[in-house]
Amino acid sequence: MIISGLEVRACSALQDAAAEALRGQAGGARHDFLVYTVRTECGRSASMFGFAGASARGSAHIAASLEPLLKGRSVHDREALWHDYRQRDRMWGHFPIYVWGPVDTCLWMLAAEAANLPLYKYIGAVRHSIPVYVSSMFLDTADDYVAEALAGKQAGFAAYKLHPPGKSVEADLEIHAAVRKAVGDNFPLMSDPVAFMTLPDALRYGRGLERLGFKWLEEPMADENIPALAELTRQLDIPVVGTETIAKHPYSLADIVARNVVDVIRADVSWSGGVTGVLKSAHLAEAFAMNCEIHTAIFHPLELVNLHLAAAIRNCTWLELLCPVEDFSFGLKGSLPVENGIATLPDTPGLGRELDWDLIDNSTLEVLN
């Protein structure tokens, strides 16, 4: 299968639910996404959603510049293309971290479909289902978080993660305490303040979460704040989780993993370089007896790829979805294969679901090919 071309669509969701869910959260004030299509000379093609950053049109033009790198190459040369992309990135490309992931994913999908295997079995299956936890957006009050956590628990989800509003350490911990009281002592809870805390604040915050029995503390300081994160990890008992925003996985993670800067690393198909990047990062962590928990990729087509990866990685506990889940449920024909908080892998070749091309066509702003 020789690659004949790359098409990139700049899209903006027109459906009310999707637009409202993403407005102000992904892509700044917009609700933008990309759709990549890799085509082959034999007539096969594969398509995947992509993150759009601050601008779908701008990101689409950057992504489309990869076509000369791909044309004439075999779909099966994924590893060579991975390294060629890294060289192109270094030689003044300086691409955003989300550009390569959809390309790499399309290559894996084409190969899995040709082999007549589901993607996770083509990679190498560890399991056929995985529990799902849900993550809040940034909500206003403790009552909002409590209601959402209780709804997630009632729906059968395995855990709930708060993205607190960031008012202060004390105010956010009060919200966490209210959620813990509401769901009980045995329901797993996590916290991701997405904060630029000082080390003393992060220590107070982490110790407060320890008293409340939280499962982990994620990104209390910027991922690149390595000395402070290492000291935080050393002092706290609660696991510290990070690395989702660091570019150039897995190479940027090697020293972080080897020195236990965090207890658990993060990777996802969107920001970590596609299927290849997540596998490299996860296997690096596995060699140090460390978990690589898959980070949400926001858009459900990408979340489905994350699910295939979670089923092919032993050192991953859960799949993460943003909630309300129904607000992000667009891009696929049908919903994700999640029931009672358990995601079960599709048994059909490739991704196991078709993209919703009616939505894509109605959302397309520009097509580059």
Protein backbone atom coordinates (compact mmCIF):
# COMPACT_ATOMS: atom_id res chain seq x y z
CA MET A 1 0.00 0.00 0.00
CA ILE A 2 1.76 3.10 -1.31
CA ILE A 3 0.55 6.48 -0.08
CA SER A 4 -0.81 8.64 -2.88
CA GLY A 5 -1.93 11.68 -0.93
CA LEU A 6 -3.03 13.40 2.26
CA GLU A 7 -6.26 15.35 2.62
CA VAL A 8 -6.83 17.61 5.62
CA ARG A 9 -10.18 19.22 6.39
CA ALA A 10 -10.54 22.23 8.65
CA CYS A 11 -13.86 21.81 10.47
CA SER A 12 -16.02 23.60 12.99
CA ALA A 13 -18.81 21.63 14.65
CA LEU A 14 -22.24 23.00 13.84
CA GLN A 15 -24.30 20.86 16.17
CA ASP A 16 -25.50 22.74 19.23
CA ALA A 17 -24.46 20.16 21.84
CA ALA A 18 -20.96 19.78 20.47
CA ALA A 19 -20.52 23.50 20.00
CA GLU A 20 -21.61 24.31 23.54
CA ALA A 21 -19.48 21.53 25.04
CA LEU A 22 -16.30 22.69 23.35
CA ARG A 23 -16.75 26.45 23.36
CA GLY A 24 -14.09 27.99 25.55
CA GLN A 25 -12.56 24.60 26.35
CA ALA A 26 -10.88 23.37 23.17
CA GLY A 27 -9.59 25.66 20.47
CA GLY A 28 -10.09 28.85 22.44
CA ALA A 29 -13.47 30.44 21.68
CA ARG A 30 -14.12 28.00 18.83
CA HIS A 31 -15.04 24.33 18.63
CA ASP A 32 -12.70 23.36 15.81
CA PHE A 33 -11.25 20.05 14.70
CA LEU A 34 -9.41 18.55 11.74
CA VAL A 35 -10.11 15.43 9.72
CA TYR A 36 -7.10 13.77 8.08
CA THR A 37 -7.45 11.26 5.23
CA VAL A 38 -4.47 9.20 4.03
CA ARG A 39 -5.07 7.68 0.58
CA THR A 40 -3.19 4.88 -1.16
CA GLU A 41 -2.54 4.03 -4.79
CA CYS A 42 -4.54 0.80 -4.42
CA GLY A 43 -7.69 2.76 -3.54
CA ARG A 44 -7.68 2.27 0.22
CA SER A 45 -7.98 5.18 2.62
CA ALA A 46 -8.23 5.87 6.33
CA SER A 47 -9.48 8.97 8.12
CA MET A 48 -9.14 10.31 11.64
CA PHE A 49 -10.02 13.39 13.65
CA GLY A 50 -7.26 15.70 14.80
CA PHE A 51 -6.87 18.45 17.37
CA ALA A 52 -7.04 21.95 15.88
CA GLY A 53 -5.47 24.11 18.58
CA ALA A 54 -6.34 27.80 18.26
CA SER A 55 -7.37 27.60 14.58
CA ALA A 56 -8.71 24.82 12.38
CA ARG A 57 -7.67 26.61 9.21
CA GLY A 58 -4.19 27.40 10.49
CA SER A 59 -3.61 23.90 11.85
CA ALA A 60 -4.95 22.34 8.63
CA HIS A 61 -2.40 24.20 6.52
CA ILE A 62 0.42 23.05 8.83
CA ALA A 63 -0.81 19.44 8.70
CA ALA A 64 -1.20 19.50 4.90
CA SER A 65 2.47 20.44 4.57
CA LEU A 66 3.29 16.83 5.53
CA GLU A 67 2.01 15.42 2.25
CA PRO A 68 5.44 15.48 0.48
CA LEU A 69 6.88 13.45 3.37
CA LEU A 70 4.20 10.78 2.87
CA LYS A 71 3.67 10.48 -0.88
CA GLY A 72 5.27 7.44 -2.45
CA ARG A 73 5.96 5.78 0.92
CA SER A 74 4.54 2.47 2.10
CA VAL A 75 1.83 2.46 4.75
CA HIS A 76 3.91 -0.20 6.50
CA ASP A 77 6.93 2.11 6.88
CA ARG A 78 5.44 3.60 10.05
CA GLU A 79 8.68 3.48 12.04
CA ALA A 80 10.75 5.04 9.25
CA LEU A 81 8.15 7.75 8.77
CA TRP A 82 8.11 8.39 12.53
CA HIS A 83 11.84 9.14 12.48
CA ASP A 84 11.67 11.08 9.21
CA TYR A 85 8.94 13.25 10.72
CA ARG A 86 11.13 13.88 13.78
CA GLN A 87 13.95 15.06 11.52
CA ARG A 88 11.58 17.29 9.54
CA ASP A 89 10.25 18.72 12.81
CA ARG A 90 13.78 19.50 13.98
CA MET A 91 14.87 21.08 10.68
CA TRP A 92 12.77 24.22 11.27
CA GLY A 93 9.39 22.52 11.06
CA HIS A 94 8.67 22.91 14.78
CA PHE A 95 5.20 21.45 14.40
CA PRO A 96 2.53 21.56 17.14
CA ILE A 97 2.41 18.42 19.27
CA TYR A 98 -0.94 17.37 17.80
CA VAL A 99 0.02 17.34 14.09
CA TRP A 100 1.54 13.87 13.61
CA GLY A 101 -0.85 11.76 15.69
CA PRO A 102 -3.70 11.47 13.16
CA VAL A 103 -1.28 10.62 10.32
CA ASP A 104 0.34 7.83 12.31
CA THR A 105 -3.08 6.56 13.40
CA CYS A 106 -4.28 6.39 9.78
CA LEU A 107 -1.23 4.30 8.87
CA TRP A 108 -1.97 1.84 11.67
CA MET A 109 -5.65 1.69 10.70
CA LEU A 110 -4.83 0.93 7.07
CA ALA A 111 -2.50 -1.89 8.08
CA ALA A 112 -4.98 -3.35 10.59
CA GLU A 113 -7.82 -3.26 8.06
CA ALA A 114 -5.64 -4.96 5.43
CA ALA A 115 -4.84 -7.67 7.99
CA ASN A 116 -8.59 -8.00 8.72
CA LEU A 117 -7.96 -7.39 12.43
CA PRO A 118 -9.25 -4.89 14.99
CA LEU A 119 -6.57 -2.31 15.66
CA TYR A 120 -5.86 -3.50 19.22
CA LYS A 121 -5.39 -7.10 18.06
CA TYR A 122 -3.13 -5.96 15.23
CA ILE A 123 -1.00 -4.14 17.84
CA GLY A 124 -1.21 -7.09 20.26
CA ALA A 125 -4.10 -7.43 22.70
CA VAL A 126 -3.77 -7.47 26.48
CA ARG A 127 -7.51 -7.39 27.22
CA HIS A 128 -10.85 -6.97 25.54
CA SER A 129 -12.48 -4.47 27.88
CA ILE A 130 -11.43 -1.73 30.29
CA PRO A 131 -13.20 0.36 32.95
CA VAL A 132 -13.88 4.01 32.15
CA TYR A 133 -13.65 7.06 34.38
CA VAL A 134 -15.13 10.45 33.64
CA SER A 135 -13.48 13.86 34.00
CA SER A 136 -15.26 17.08 34.78
CA MET A 137 -14.89 20.32 32.92
CA PHE A 138 -14.23 23.45 35.06
CA LEU A 139 -17.47 23.87 36.98
CA ASP A 140 -18.70 26.70 39.21
CA THR A 141 -19.76 25.27 42.57
CA ALA A 142 -19.30 22.29 44.84
CA ASP A 143 -22.91 21.31 44.14
CA ASP A 144 -22.12 21.10 40.40
CA TYR A 145 -19.23 18.69 41.03
CA VAL A 146 -21.24 16.64 43.51
CA ALA A 147 -24.14 16.23 41.09
CA GLU A 148 -21.83 15.18 38.26
CA ALA A 149 -19.85 12.74 40.42
CA LEU A 150 -23.03 11.11 41.70
CA ALA A 151 -24.40 10.84 38.16
CA GLY A 152 -21.15 9.19 37.02
CA LYS A 153 -21.23 6.75 39.91
CA GLN A 154 -24.88 5.93 39.22
CA ALA A 155 -24.08 5.31 35.54
CA GLY A 156 -21.49 2.72 36.54
CA PHE A 157 -18.31 4.63 35.72
CA ALA A 158 -15.25 3.42 37.58
CA ALA A 159 -14.09 6.77 38.97
CA TYR A 160 -14.50 10.54 38.72
CA LYS A 161 -11.82 13.19 38.22
CA LEU A 162 -12.26 16.81 39.18
CA HIS A 163 -10.85 19.74 37.27
CA PRO A 164 -11.46 22.25 40.08
CA PRO A 165 -12.13 25.95 39.40
CA GLY A 166 -8.79 27.08 40.84
CA LYS A 167 -10.09 29.70 43.24
CA SER A 168 -7.59 28.82 45.99
CA VAL A 169 -6.06 25.73 47.55
CA GLU A 170 -8.51 25.90 50.45
CA ALA A 171 -11.60 26.55 48.34
CA ASP A 172 -10.76 23.76 45.90
CA LEU A 173 -10.11 21.30 48.73
CA GLU A 174 -13.54 22.14 50.16
CA ILE A 175 -15.05 21.14 46.81
CA HIS A 176 -13.07 17.89 46.86
CA ALA A 177 -14.26 17.19 50.42
CA ALA A 178 -17.88 17.73 49.38
CA VAL A 179 -17.52 15.27 46.50
CA ARG A 180 -15.83 12.68 48.72
CA LYS A 181 -18.63 12.94 51.29
CA ALA A 182 -21.27 12.54 48.57
CA VAL A 183 -19.82 9.49 46.80
CA GLY A 184 -18.52 7.68 49.87
CA ASP A 185 -15.12 6.41 50.87
CA ASN A 186 -14.82 3.55 48.39
CA PHE A 187 -15.47 5.34 45.08
CA PRO A 188 -12.16 6.34 43.38
CA LEU A 189 -11.62 10.07 42.92
CA MET A 190 -8.77 11.96 41.26
CA SER A 191 -7.85 15.63 40.98
CA ASP A 192 -6.38 17.53 38.03
CA PRO A 193 -6.09 21.24 38.87
CA VAL A 194 -4.23 22.04 35.60
CA ALA A 195 -2.49 24.58 37.80
CA PHE A 196 0.71 26.55 37.98
CA MET A 197 0.99 26.13 41.74
CA THR A 198 4.06 26.90 43.76
CA LEU A 199 5.67 23.90 45.38
CA PRO A 200 4.40 24.82 48.89
CA ASP A 201 0.84 25.19 47.56
CA ALA A 202 1.07 21.89 45.68
CA LEU A 203 2.29 20.17 48.86
CA ARG A 204 -0.64 21.55 50.88
CA TYR A 205 -3.02 20.58 48.10
CA GLY A 206 -1.60 17.07 47.80
CA ARG A 207 -1.70 16.46 51.55
CA GLY A 208 -5.32 17.58 51.58
CA LEU A 209 -6.11 15.05 48.86
CA GLU A 210 -4.29 12.36 50.84
CA ARG A 211 -6.55 13.01 53.83
CA LEU A 212 -9.56 12.66 51.54
CA GLY A 213 -8.34 9.35 50.08
CA PHE A 214 -7.92 10.54 46.48
CA LYS A 215 -6.36 8.19 43.94
CA TRP A 216 -3.94 10.63 42.33
CA LEU A 217 -2.92 14.28 41.91
CA GLU A 218 -2.41 15.31 38.30
CA GLU A 219 -0.54 18.30 36.90
CA PRO A 220 -0.51 20.57 39.96
CA MET A 221 2.39 22.39 38.32
CA ALA A 222 3.43 22.74 34.70
CA ASP A 223 4.74 19.48 33.24
CA GLU A 224 8.07 21.09 32.40
CA ASN A 225 8.61 22.22 36.03
CA ILE A 226 10.72 19.11 36.57
CA PRO A 227 12.73 19.94 39.74
CA ALA A 228 9.62 21.01 41.65
CA LEU A 229 7.62 18.01 40.46
CA ALA A 230 10.40 15.67 41.53
CA GLU A 231 10.40 17.18 45.02
CA LEU A 232 6.60 17.04 45.20
CA THR A 233 6.64 13.37 44.20
CA ARG A 234 9.32 12.65 46.79
CA GLN A 235 7.36 14.22 49.63
CA LEU A 236 3.79 13.09 48.89
CA ASP A 237 2.31 9.63 49.36
CA ILE A 238 -0.48 10.23 46.82
CA PRO A 239 0.77 9.41 43.30
CA VAL A 240 1.70 12.46 41.21
CA VAL A 241 0.71 12.21 37.54
CA GLY A 242 1.99 14.27 34.63
CA THR A 243 3.69 14.68 31.20
CA GLU A 244 0.61 14.92 28.92
CA THR A 245 1.66 18.33 27.53
CA ILE A 246 5.38 17.67 27.07
CA ALA A 247 6.27 17.50 23.39
CA LYS A 248 8.34 14.86 21.64
CA HIS A 249 7.29 11.70 23.46
CA PRO A 250 8.91 9.35 24.35
CA TYR A 251 12.37 10.92 24.25
CA SER A 252 11.36 13.85 26.44
CA LEU A 253 10.09 11.37 29.04
CA ALA A 254 13.19 9.21 29.42
CA ASP A 255 14.84 11.16 32.25
CA ILE A 256 11.47 11.90 33.88
CA VAL A 257 10.68 8.20 34.05
CA ALA A 258 14.17 7.10 35.05
CA ARG A 259 14.34 9.62 37.92
CA ASN A 260 10.74 9.19 39.12
CA VAL A 261 9.94 12.86 38.58
CA VAL A 262 6.30 11.73 38.60
CA ASP A 263 4.77 8.44 39.68
CA VAL A 264 2.61 7.97 36.58
CA ILE A 265 3.05 9.35 33.07
CA ARG A 266 0.34 10.38 30.62
CA ALA A 267 0.11 9.88 26.85
CA ASP A 268 -2.62 9.93 24.24
CA VAL A 269 -3.04 9.38 20.54
CA SER A 270 -3.55 13.09 19.84
CA TRP A 271 -0.73 14.87 21.69
CA SER A 272 1.85 12.07 21.93
CA GLY A 273 2.44 11.17 18.29
CA GLY A 274 -0.32 8.71 17.45
CA VAL A 275 -0.36 4.99 18.10
CA THR A 276 3.41 4.73 17.68
CA GLY A 277 4.11 7.51 20.17
CA VAL A 278 1.80 6.13 22.86
CA LEU A 279 3.24 2.64 22.51
CA LYS A 280 6.80 3.96 22.81
CA SER A 281 5.91 6.01 25.89
CA ALA A 282 3.97 3.19 27.54
CA HIS A 283 6.72 0.65 26.95
CA LEU A 284 9.30 3.07 28.33
CA ALA A 285 7.24 3.41 31.51
CA GLU A 286 6.63 -0.34 31.69
CA ALA A 287 10.39 -0.97 31.77
CA PHE A 288 10.49 1.06 35.01
CA ALA A 289 7.38 -0.58 36.53
CA MET A 290 5.44 2.66 36.01
CA ASN A 291 1.93 3.13 34.66
CA CYS A 292 1.13 5.12 31.53
CA GLU A 293 -2.47 6.25 31.94
CA ILE A 294 -4.09 7.20 28.64
CA HIS A 295 -5.15 10.85 28.56
CA THR A 296 -8.42 11.93 26.96
CA ALA A 297 -8.15 12.99 23.32
CA ILE A 298 -11.45 14.94 23.56
CA PHE A 299 -12.98 13.90 20.23
CA HIS A 300 -14.67 10.49 20.30
CA PRO A 301 -13.04 9.10 17.12
CA LEU A 302 -9.69 9.71 18.83
CA GLU A 303 -11.06 8.35 22.11
CA LEU A 304 -11.88 5.12 20.27
CA VAL A 305 -8.23 4.90 19.16
CA ASN A 306 -7.26 5.53 22.79
CA LEU A 307 -9.49 2.59 23.72
CA HIS A 308 -7.66 0.30 21.28
CA LEU A 309 -4.36 1.43 22.81
CA ALA A 310 -5.59 0.91 26.37
CA ALA A 311 -6.47 -2.66 25.37
CA ALA A 312 -2.94 -3.19 24.02
CA ILE A 313 -1.05 -1.69 27.00
CA ARG A 314 -0.70 -3.63 30.23
CA ASN A 315 0.34 -0.67 32.39
CA CYS A 316 -2.89 1.33 31.98
CA THR A 317 -5.80 1.10 34.42
CA TRP A 318 -8.65 3.08 32.88
CA LEU A 319 -9.92 4.90 29.82
CA GLU A 320 -10.71 8.59 30.39
CA LEU A 321 -13.72 10.42 28.91
CA LEU A 322 -14.74 14.02 29.39
CA CYS A 323 -18.18 14.58 30.83
CA PRO A 324 -20.97 15.11 30.25
CA VAL A 325 -20.07 12.28 27.87
CA GLU A 326 -23.07 12.92 25.63
CA ASP A 327 -21.87 16.48 24.93
CA PHE A 328 -18.72 15.11 23.31
CA SER A 329 -20.39 12.21 21.54
CA PHE A 330 -19.97 13.30 17.96
CA GLY A 331 -17.76 12.27 15.08
CA LEU A 332 -18.68 8.57 15.03
CA LYS A 333 -21.63 6.76 13.53
CA GLY A 334 -23.10 5.55 16.78
CA SER A 335 -21.61 6.00 20.21
CA LEU A 336 -18.48 4.65 21.87
CA PRO A 337 -18.83 1.00 22.96
CA VAL A 338 -19.28 1.87 26.65
CA GLU A 339 -21.97 0.32 28.82
CA ASN A 340 -22.28 0.52 32.62
CA GLY A 341 -18.86 2.14 32.80
CA ILE A 342 -17.06 -0.60 30.85
CA ALA A 343 -15.61 -0.05 27.37
CA THR A 344 -15.61 -3.21 25.25
CA LEU A 345 -13.41 -3.41 22.18
CA PRO A 346 -15.03 -3.70 18.73
CA ASP A 347 -14.36 -7.00 16.95
CA THR A 348 -14.48 -5.64 13.38
CA PRO A 349 -11.34 -4.73 11.40
CA GLY A 350 -9.55 -1.47 12.01
CA LEU A 351 -11.20 1.10 14.22
CA GLY A 352 -14.48 -0.78 14.52
CA ARG A 353 -16.67 2.27 13.88
CA GLU A 354 -17.25 4.52 10.89
CA LEU A 355 -16.80 8.27 11.09
CA ASP A 356 -19.90 10.44 10.81
CA TRP A 357 -19.30 11.90 7.38
CA ASP A 358 -22.58 13.82 7.36
CA LEU A 359 -21.37 15.80 10.37
CA ILE A 360 -17.90 16.18 8.87
CA ASP A 361 -19.26 17.45 5.54
CA ASN A 362 -21.59 19.89 7.30
CA SER A 363 -18.74 21.14 9.50
CA THR A 364 -16.05 21.54 6.80
CA LEU A 365 -14.65 25.04 6.37
CA GLU A 366 -11.82 24.19 3.97
CA VAL A 367 -10.35 21.12 2.29
CA LEU A 368 -6.62 20.90 1.59
CA ASN A 369 -5.26 18.15 -0.68
